Amino acid sequence: MTEPIEGWLTTTGAAELTGYNVKYLRWLINQGRIEARKVQRDWLVNKESLLAYKARMDALGAQKHNPWREDLGEGRGRRKGGDE
């Protein structure tokens, strides 16, 4: 895996580094969850941003699937009018 620009990876390189599928990485880019830049027809992923995201997900473990976890705040995953 080579870095085209220091600190940036192609989606293929990012997939090799993290074990994530390239389609999942593109979804993360579209959602704004990882930093990326389009260069001509290719996406370059910021390595630091990607590794920080992966570390957060690894630390959450199974909790990452809990839509009511505290770090999501009021705007995401909260039931309206539910028991608080």
PDB file of N, CA and C in Angstrom:
ATOM      1  N   MET A   1       0.854  -1.172   0.000  1.00  0.00           N
ATOM      2  CA  MET A   1       0.000   0.000   0.000  1.00  0.00           C
ATOM      3  C   MET A   1       0.899   1.233   0.000  1.00  0.00           C
ATOM      4  N   THR A   2       0.705   2.070  -0.976  1.00  0.00           N
ATOM      5  CA  THR A   2       1.478   3.300  -1.041  1.00  0.00           C
ATOM      6  C   THR A   2       0.559   4.488  -0.838  1.00  0.00           C
ATOM      7  N   GLU A   3       1.081   5.517  -0.225  1.00  0.00           N
ATOM      8  CA  GLU A   3       0.323   6.738  -0.013  1.00  0.00           C
ATOM      9  C   GLU A   3       0.621   7.691  -1.168  1.00  0.00           C
ATOM     10  N   PRO A   4      -0.403   8.082  -1.953  1.00  0.00           N
ATOM     11  CA  PRO A   4      -0.160   8.977  -3.086  1.00  0.00           C
ATOM     12  C   PRO A   4       0.341  10.348  -2.628  1.00  0.00           C
ATOM     13  N   ILE A   5      -0.191  10.823  -1.518  1.00  0.00           N
ATOM     14  CA  ILE A   5       0.232  12.069  -0.896  1.00  0.00           C
ATOM     15  C   ILE A   5       0.378  11.750   0.586  1.00  0.00           C
ATOM     16  N   GLU A   6       1.425  12.218   1.198  1.00  0.00           N
ATOM     17  CA  GLU A   6       1.670  11.884   2.601  1.00  0.00           C
ATOM     18  C   GLU A   6       0.454  12.191   3.462  1.00  0.00           C
ATOM     19  N   GLY A   7       0.002  11.184   4.210  1.00  0.00           N
ATOM     20  CA  GLY A   7      -1.142  11.340   5.092  1.00  0.00           C
ATOM     21  C   GLY A   7      -2.483  11.046   4.439  1.00  0.00           C
ATOM     22  N   TRP A   8      -2.483  10.719   3.158  1.00  0.00           N
ATOM     23  CA  TRP A   8      -3.716  10.438   2.429  1.00  0.00           C
ATOM     24  C   TRP A   8      -3.615   9.077   1.759  1.00  0.00           C
ATOM     25  N   LEU A   9      -4.728   8.349   1.730  1.00  0.00           N
ATOM     26  CA  LEU A   9      -4.774   7.007   1.152  1.00  0.00           C
ATOM     27  C   LEU A   9      -5.867   6.934   0.091  1.00  0.00           C
ATOM     28  N   THR A  10      -5.672   6.089  -0.890  1.00  0.00           N
ATOM     29  CA  THR A  10      -6.765   5.791  -1.809  1.00  0.00           C
ATOM     30  C   THR A  10      -7.787   4.963  -1.033  1.00  0.00           C
ATOM     31  N   THR A  11      -8.996   4.842  -1.567  1.00  0.00           N
ATOM     32  CA  THR A  11      -9.986   4.022  -0.882  1.00  0.00           C
ATOM     33  C   THR A  11      -9.536   2.563  -0.811  1.00  0.00           C
ATOM     34  N   THR A  12      -8.833   2.109  -1.826  1.00  0.00           N
ATOM     35  CA  THR A  12      -8.313   0.740  -1.795  1.00  0.00           C
ATOM     36  C   THR A  12      -7.272   0.583  -0.694  1.00  0.00           C
ATOM     37  N   GLY A  13      -6.367   1.557  -0.574  1.00  0.00           N
ATOM     38  CA  GLY A  13      -5.362   1.522   0.488  1.00  0.00           C
ATOM     39  C   GLY A  13      -5.994   1.616   1.865  1.00  0.00           C
ATOM     40  N   ALA A  14      -7.036   2.433   1.987  1.00  0.00           N
ATOM     41  CA  ALA A  14      -7.744   2.573   3.255  1.00  0.00           C
ATOM     42  C   ALA A  14      -8.438   1.265   3.625  1.00  0.00           C
ATOM     43  N   ALA A  15      -8.988   0.582   2.625  1.00  0.00           N
ATOM     44  CA  ALA A  15      -9.637  -0.708   2.868  1.00  0.00           C
ATOM     45  C   ALA A  15      -8.625  -1.744   3.336  1.00  0.00           C
ATOM     46  N   GLU A  16      -7.452  -1.749   2.731  1.00  0.00           N
ATOM     47  CA  GLU A  16      -6.400  -2.682   3.137  1.00  0.00           C
ATOM     48  C   GLU A  16      -5.946  -2.402   4.569  1.00  0.00           C
ATOM     49  N   LEU A  17      -5.844  -1.141   4.925  1.00  0.00           N
ATOM     50  CA  LEU A  17      -5.379  -0.749   6.252  1.00  0.00           C
ATOM     51  C   LEU A  17      -6.381  -1.116   7.346  1.00  0.00           C
ATOM     52  N   THR A  18      -7.661  -0.899   7.088  1.00  0.00           N
ATOM     53  CA  THR A  18      -8.681  -1.065   8.128  1.00  0.00           C
ATOM     54  C   THR A  18      -9.451  -2.372   8.062  1.00  0.00           C
ATOM     55  N   GLY A  19      -9.486  -2.981   6.893  1.00  0.00           N
ATOM     56  CA  GLY A  19     -10.320  -4.165   6.720  1.00  0.00           C
ATOM     57  C   GLY A  19     -11.751  -3.813   6.336  1.00  0.00           C
ATOM     58  N   TYR A  20     -12.046  -2.507   6.181  1.00  0.00           N
ATOM     59  CA  TYR A  20     -13.368  -2.068   5.751  1.00  0.00           C
ATOM     60  C   TYR A  20     -13.512  -2.301   4.253  1.00  0.00           C
ATOM     61  N   ASN A  21     -14.740  -2.507   3.803  1.00  0.00           N
ATOM     62  CA  ASN A  21     -15.036  -2.636   2.387  1.00  0.00           C
ATOM     63  C   ASN A  21     -14.963  -1.255   1.733  1.00  0.00           C
ATOM     64  N   VAL A  22     -14.544  -1.201   0.480  1.00  0.00           N
ATOM     65  CA  VAL A  22     -14.436   0.070  -0.244  1.00  0.00           C
ATOM     66  C   VAL A  22     -15.790   0.776  -0.316  1.00  0.00           C
ATOM     67  N   LYS A  23     -16.868   0.021  -0.498  1.00  0.00           N
ATOM     68  CA  LYS A  23     -18.207   0.632  -0.547  1.00  0.00           C
ATOM     69  C   LYS A  23     -18.557   1.269   0.796  1.00  0.00           C
ATOM     70  N   TYR A  24     -18.178   0.623   1.892  1.00  0.00           N
ATOM     71  CA  TYR A  24     -18.427   1.190   3.220  1.00  0.00           C
ATOM     72  C   TYR A  24     -17.621   2.477   3.401  1.00  0.00           C
ATOM     73  N   LEU A  25     -16.392   2.485   2.930  1.00  0.00           N
ATOM     74  CA  LEU A  25     -15.571   3.698   3.019  1.00  0.00           C
ATOM     75  C   LEU A  25     -16.207   4.838   2.230  1.00  0.00           C
ATOM     76  N   ARG A  26     -16.733   4.549   1.060  1.00  0.00           N
ATOM     77  CA  ARG A  26     -17.410   5.590   0.273  1.00  0.00           C
ATOM     78  C   ARG A  26     -18.637   6.103   1.003  1.00  0.00           C
ATOM     79  N   TRP A  27     -19.359   5.207   1.692  1.00  0.00           N
ATOM     80  CA  TRP A  27     -20.514   5.624   2.478  1.00  0.00           C
ATOM     81  C   TRP A  27     -20.069   6.547   3.615  1.00  0.00           C
ATOM     82  N   LEU A  28     -18.969   6.187   4.294  1.00  0.00           N
ATOM     83  CA  LEU A  28     -18.439   7.036   5.370  1.00  0.00           C
ATOM     84  C   LEU A  28     -18.067   8.416   4.837  1.00  0.00           C
ATOM     85  N   ILE A  29     -17.485   8.462   3.657  1.00  0.00           N
ATOM     86  CA  ILE A  29     -17.121   9.738   3.024  1.00  0.00           C
ATOM     87  C   ILE A  29     -18.386  10.554   2.756  1.00  0.00           C
ATOM     88  N   ASN A  30     -19.393   9.919   2.150  1.00  0.00           N
ATOM     89  CA  ASN A  30     -20.640  10.622   1.824  1.00  0.00           C
ATOM     90  C   ASN A  30     -21.364  11.119   3.067  1.00  0.00           C
ATOM     91  N   GLN A  31     -21.237  10.406   4.169  1.00  0.00           N
ATOM     92  CA  GLN A  31     -21.865  10.804   5.426  1.00  0.00           C
ATOM     93  C   GLN A  31     -21.046  11.860   6.171  1.00  0.00           C
ATOM     94  N   GLY A  32     -19.826  12.110   5.716  1.00  0.00           N
ATOM     95  CA  GLY A  32     -18.964  13.088   6.371  1.00  0.00           C
ATOM     96  C   GLY A  32     -18.329  12.564   7.647  1.00  0.00           C
ATOM     97  N   ARG A  33     -18.263  11.265   7.798  1.00  0.00           N
ATOM     98  CA  ARG A  33     -17.706  10.673   9.020  1.00  0.00           C
ATOM     99  C   ARG A  33     -16.192  10.559   8.987  1.00  0.00           C
ATOM    100  N   ILE A  34     -15.630  10.554   7.795  1.00  0.00           N
ATOM    101  CA  ILE A  34     -14.176  10.591   7.650  1.00  0.00           C
ATOM    102  C   ILE A  34     -13.844  11.674   6.623  1.00  0.00           C
ATOM    103  N   GLU A  35     -12.675  12.263   6.787  1.00  0.00           N
ATOM    104  CA  GLU A  35     -12.251  13.324   5.878  1.00  0.00           C
ATOM    105  C   GLU A  35     -11.700  12.713   4.596  1.00  0.00           C
ATOM    106  N   ALA A  36     -12.133  13.263   3.468  1.00  0.00           N
ATOM    107  CA  ALA A  36     -11.661  12.774   2.177  1.00  0.00           C
ATOM    108  C   ALA A  36     -11.719  13.912   1.157  1.00  0.00           C
ATOM    109  N   ARG A  37     -10.934  13.778   0.129  1.00  0.00           N
ATOM    110  CA  ARG A  37     -10.888  14.751  -0.962  1.00  0.00           C
ATOM    111  C   ARG A  37     -10.936  14.005  -2.285  1.00  0.00           C
ATOM    112  N   LYS A  38     -11.672  14.561  -3.217  1.00  0.00           N
ATOM    113  CA  LYS A  38     -11.714  13.963  -4.549  1.00  0.00           C
ATOM    114  C   LYS A  38     -10.608  14.577  -5.391  1.00  0.00           C
ATOM    115  N   VAL A  39      -9.769  13.744  -5.947  1.00  0.00           N
ATOM    116  CA  VAL A  39      -8.684  14.167  -6.824  1.00  0.00           C
ATOM    117  C   VAL A  39      -8.918  13.472  -8.160  1.00  0.00           C
ATOM    118  N   GLN A  40      -9.288  14.268  -9.140  1.00  0.00           N
ATOM    119  CA  GLN A  40      -9.704  13.770 -10.451  1.00  0.00           C
ATOM    120  C   GLN A  40     -10.872  12.812 -10.257  1.00  0.00           C
ATOM    121  N   ARG A  41     -10.698  11.534 -10.545  1.00  0.00           N
ATOM    122  CA  ARG A  41     -11.819  10.607 -10.382  1.00  0.00           C
ATOM    123  C   ARG A  41     -11.725   9.770  -9.106  1.00  0.00           C
ATOM    124  N   ASP A  42     -10.651   9.909  -8.360  1.00  0.00           N
ATOM    125  CA  ASP A  42     -10.416   9.079  -7.181  1.00  0.00           C
ATOM    126  C   ASP A  42     -10.641   9.845  -5.889  1.00  0.00           C
ATOM    127  N   TRP A  43     -11.034   9.127  -4.865  1.00  0.00           N
ATOM    128  CA  TRP A  43     -11.148   9.697  -3.527  1.00  0.00           C
ATOM    129  C   TRP A  43      -9.896   9.373  -2.744  1.00  0.00           C
ATOM    130  N   LEU A  44      -9.370  10.363  -2.033  1.00  0.00           N
ATOM    131  CA  LEU A  44      -8.255  10.169  -1.116  1.00  0.00           C
ATOM    132  C   LEU A  44      -8.789  10.389   0.293  1.00  0.00           C
ATOM    133  N   VAL A  45      -8.502   9.437   1.153  1.00  0.00           N
ATOM    134  CA  VAL A  45      -8.990   9.450   2.528  1.00  0.00           C
ATOM    135  C   VAL A  45      -7.867   9.908   3.440  1.00  0.00           C
ATOM    136  N   ASN A  46      -8.190  10.819   4.361  1.00  0.00           N
ATOM    137  CA  ASN A  46      -7.213  11.278   5.336  1.00  0.00           C
ATOM    138  C   ASN A  46      -6.946  10.140   6.312  1.00  0.00           C
ATOM    139  N   LYS A  47      -5.691   9.706   6.383  1.00  0.00           N
ATOM    140  CA  LYS A  47      -5.318   8.552   7.192  1.00  0.00           C
ATOM    141  C   LYS A  47      -5.615   8.781   8.672  1.00  0.00           C
ATOM    142  N   GLU A  48      -5.303   9.968   9.179  1.00  0.00           N
ATOM    143  CA  GLU A  48      -5.535  10.287  10.593  1.00  0.00           C
ATOM    144  C   GLU A  48      -7.032  10.238  10.927  1.00  0.00           C
ATOM    145  N   SER A  49      -7.848  10.799  10.064  1.00  0.00           N
ATOM    146  CA  SER A  49      -9.298  10.797  10.251  1.00  0.00           C
ATOM    147  C   SER A  49      -9.844   9.369  10.241  1.00  0.00           C
ATOM    148  N   LEU A  50      -9.367   8.573   9.312  1.00  0.00           N
ATOM    149  CA  LEU A  50      -9.799   7.184   9.189  1.00  0.00           C
ATOM    150  C   LEU A  50      -9.431   6.372  10.428  1.00  0.00           C
ATOM    151  N   LEU A  51      -8.194   6.509  10.880  1.00  0.00           N
ATOM    152  CA  LEU A  51      -7.756   5.743  12.047  1.00  0.00           C
ATOM    153  C   LEU A  51      -8.471   6.199  13.316  1.00  0.00           C
ATOM    154  N   ALA A  52      -8.788   7.483  13.412  1.00  0.00           N
ATOM    155  CA  ALA A  52      -9.547   7.990  14.565  1.00  0.00           C
ATOM    156  C   ALA A  52     -10.960   7.406  14.558  1.00  0.00           C
ATOM    157  N   TYR A  53     -11.592   7.357  13.388  1.00  0.00           N
ATOM    158  CA  TYR A  53     -12.926   6.773  13.273  1.00  0.00           C
ATOM    159  C   TYR A  53     -12.889   5.301  13.665  1.00  0.00           C
ATOM    160  N   LYS A  54     -11.922   4.570  13.144  1.00  0.00           N
ATOM    161  CA  LYS A  54     -11.805   3.133  13.444  1.00  0.00           C
ATOM    162  C   LYS A  54     -11.581   2.917  14.938  1.00  0.00           C
ATOM    163  N   ALA A  55     -10.752   3.743  15.564  1.00  0.00           N
ATOM    164  CA  ALA A  55     -10.498   3.616  17.002  1.00  0.00           C
ATOM    165  C   ALA A  55     -11.783   3.864  17.792  1.00  0.00           C
ATOM    166  N   ARG A  56     -12.578   4.873  17.392  1.00  0.00           N
ATOM    167  CA  ARG A  56     -13.861   5.136  18.072  1.00  0.00           C
ATOM    168  C   ARG A  56     -14.793   3.941  17.952  1.00  0.00           C
ATOM    169  N   MET A  57     -14.889   3.372  16.771  1.00  0.00           N
ATOM    170  CA  MET A  57     -15.784   2.232  16.555  1.00  0.00           C
ATOM    171  C   MET A  57     -15.297   0.998  17.308  1.00  0.00           C
ATOM    172  N   ASP A  58     -13.986   0.781  17.327  1.00  0.00           N
ATOM    173  CA  ASP A  58     -13.440  -0.352  18.068  1.00  0.00           C
ATOM    174  C   ASP A  58     -13.682  -0.192  19.565  1.00  0.00           C
ATOM    175  N   ALA A  59     -13.558   1.036  20.074  1.00  0.00           N
ATOM    176  CA  ALA A  59     -13.770   1.300  21.501  1.00  0.00           C
ATOM    177  C   ALA A  59     -15.240   1.109  21.883  1.00  0.00           C
ATOM    178  N   LEU A  60     -16.157   1.467  20.991  1.00  0.00           N
ATOM    179  CA  LEU A  60     -17.581   1.303  21.272  1.00  0.00           C
ATOM    180  C   LEU A  60     -18.007  -0.157  21.262  1.00  0.00           C
ATOM    181  N   GLY A  61     -17.338  -0.959  20.466  1.00  0.00           N
ATOM    182  CA  GLY A  61     -17.710  -2.372  20.379  1.00  0.00           C
ATOM    183  C   GLY A  61     -19.159  -2.515  19.927  1.00  0.00           C
ATOM    184  N   ALA A  62     -19.911  -3.365  20.609  1.00  0.00           N
ATOM    185  CA  ALA A  62     -21.310  -3.601  20.250  1.00  0.00           C
ATOM    186  C   ALA A  62     -22.174  -2.363  20.499  1.00  0.00           C
ATOM    187  N   GLN A  63     -21.749  -1.457  21.370  1.00  0.00           N
ATOM    188  CA  GLN A  63     -22.505  -0.234  21.664  1.00  0.00           C
ATOM    189  C   GLN A  63     -22.667   0.652  20.438  1.00  0.00           C
ATOM    190  N   LYS A  64     -21.813   0.484  19.415  1.00  0.00           N
ATOM    191  CA  LYS A  64     -21.918   1.337  18.232  1.00  0.00           C
ATOM    192  C   LYS A  64     -23.253   1.146  17.517  1.00  0.00           C
ATOM    193  N   HIS A  65     -23.947   0.049  17.810  1.00  0.00           N
ATOM    194  CA  HIS A  65     -25.238  -0.219  17.180  1.00  0.00           C
ATOM    195  C   HIS A  65     -26.418   0.270  18.018  1.00  0.00           C
ATOM    196  N   ASN A  66     -26.159   0.848  19.182  1.00  0.00           N
ATOM    197  CA  ASN A  66     -27.207   1.312  20.079  1.00  0.00           C
ATOM    198  C   ASN A  66     -27.645   2.723  19.677  1.00  0.00           C
ATOM    199  N   PRO A  67     -28.868   2.877  19.128  1.00  0.00           N
ATOM    200  CA  PRO A  67     -29.299   4.210  18.677  1.00  0.00           C
ATOM    201  C   PRO A  67     -29.597   5.171  19.821  1.00  0.00           C
ATOM    202  N   TRP A  68     -29.637   4.690  21.072  1.00  0.00           N
ATOM    203  CA  TRP A  68     -29.942   5.560  22.217  1.00  0.00           C
ATOM    204  C   TRP A  68     -28.724   5.873  23.064  1.00  0.00           C
ATOM    205  N   ARG A  69     -27.532   5.588  22.550  1.00  0.00           N
ATOM    206  CA  ARG A  69     -26.345   5.875  23.356  1.00  0.00           C
ATOM    207  C   ARG A  69     -26.167   7.383  23.517  1.00  0.00           C
ATOM    208  N   GLU A  70     -25.530   7.779  24.598  1.00  0.00           N
ATOM    209  CA  GLU A  70     -25.439   9.180  25.001  1.00  0.00           C
ATOM    210  C   GLU A  70     -24.682  10.070  24.021  1.00  0.00           C
ATOM    211  N   ASP A  71     -23.654   9.575  23.352  1.00  0.00           N
ATOM    212  CA  ASP A  71     -22.841  10.435  22.494  1.00  0.00           C
ATOM    213  C   ASP A  71     -23.557  10.874  21.216  1.00  0.00           C
ATOM    214  N   LEU A  72     -24.743  10.339  20.941  1.00  0.00           N
ATOM    215  CA  LEU A  72     -25.485  10.749  19.757  1.00  0.00           C
ATOM    216  C   LEU A  72     -26.274  12.031  19.991  1.00  0.00           C
ATOM    217  N   GLY A  73     -26.495  12.381  21.242  1.00  0.00           N
ATOM    218  CA  GLY A  73     -27.186  13.628  21.559  1.00  0.00           C
ATOM    219  C   GLY A  73     -28.667  13.568  21.250  1.00  0.00           C
ATOM    220  N   GLU A  74     -29.306  14.713  21.317  1.00  0.00           N
ATOM    221  CA  GLU A  74     -30.756  14.802  21.141  1.00  0.00           C
ATOM    222  C   GLU A  74     -31.193  14.605  19.700  1.00  0.00           C
ATOM    223  N   GLY A  75     -30.358  14.992  18.750  1.00  0.00           N
ATOM    224  CA  GLY A  75     -30.781  15.007  17.357  1.00  0.00           C
ATOM    225  C   GLY A  75     -30.788  13.664  16.656  1.00  0.00           C
ATOM    226  N   ARG A  76     -30.077  12.678  17.180  1.00  0.00           N
ATOM    227  CA  ARG A  76     -29.973  11.395  16.479  1.00  0.00           C
ATOM    228  C   ARG A  76     -30.356  10.245  17.382  1.00  0.00           C
ATOM    229  N   GLY A  77     -31.204   9.390  16.878  1.00  0.00           N
ATOM    230  CA  GLY A  77     -31.471   8.137  17.538  1.00  0.00           C
ATOM    231  C   GLY A  77     -32.291   8.222  18.820  1.00  0.00           C
ATOM    232  N   ARG A  78     -32.809   9.358  19.155  1.00  0.00           N
ATOM    233  CA  ARG A  78     -33.596   9.499  20.376  1.00  0.00           C
ATOM    234  C   ARG A  78     -35.075   9.303  20.075  1.00  0.00           C
ATOM    235  N   ARG A  79     -35.778   8.616  20.947  1.00  0.00           N
ATOM    236  CA  ARG A  79     -37.219   8.491  20.816  1.00  0.00           C
ATOM    237  C   ARG A  79     -37.876   9.764  21.294  1.00  0.00           C
ATOM    238  N   LYS A  80     -38.836  10.245  20.555  1.00  0.00           N
ATOM    239  CA  LYS A  80     -39.565  11.444  20.984  1.00  0.00           C
ATOM    240  C   LYS A  80     -40.681  11.014  21.922  1.00  0.00           C
ATOM    241  N   GLY A  81     -40.744  11.674  23.072  1.00  0.00           N
ATOM    242  CA  GLY A  81     -41.784  11.387  24.034  1.00  0.00           C
ATOM    243  C   GLY A  81     -41.603  10.100  24.797  1.00  0.00           C
ATOM    244  N   GLY A  82     -40.445   9.472  24.644  1.00  0.00           N
ATOM    245  CA  GLY A  82     -40.181   8.209  25.341  1.00  0.00           C
ATOM    246  C   GLY A  82     -39.708   8.442  26.747  1.00  0.00           C
ATOM    247  N   ASP A  83     -39.536   7.375  27.465  1.00  0.00           N
ATOM    248  CA  ASP A  83     -39.026   7.479  28.836  1.00  0.00           C
ATOM    249  C   ASP A  83     -37.589   7.925  28.822  1.00  0.00           C
ATOM    250  N   GLU A  84     -37.276   8.917  29.572  1.00  0.00           N
ATOM    251  CA  GLU A  84     -35.907   9.448  29.602  1.00  0.00           C
ATOM    252  C   GLU A  84     -35.198   8.948  30.839  1.00  0.00           C
TER     253      GLU A  84
END
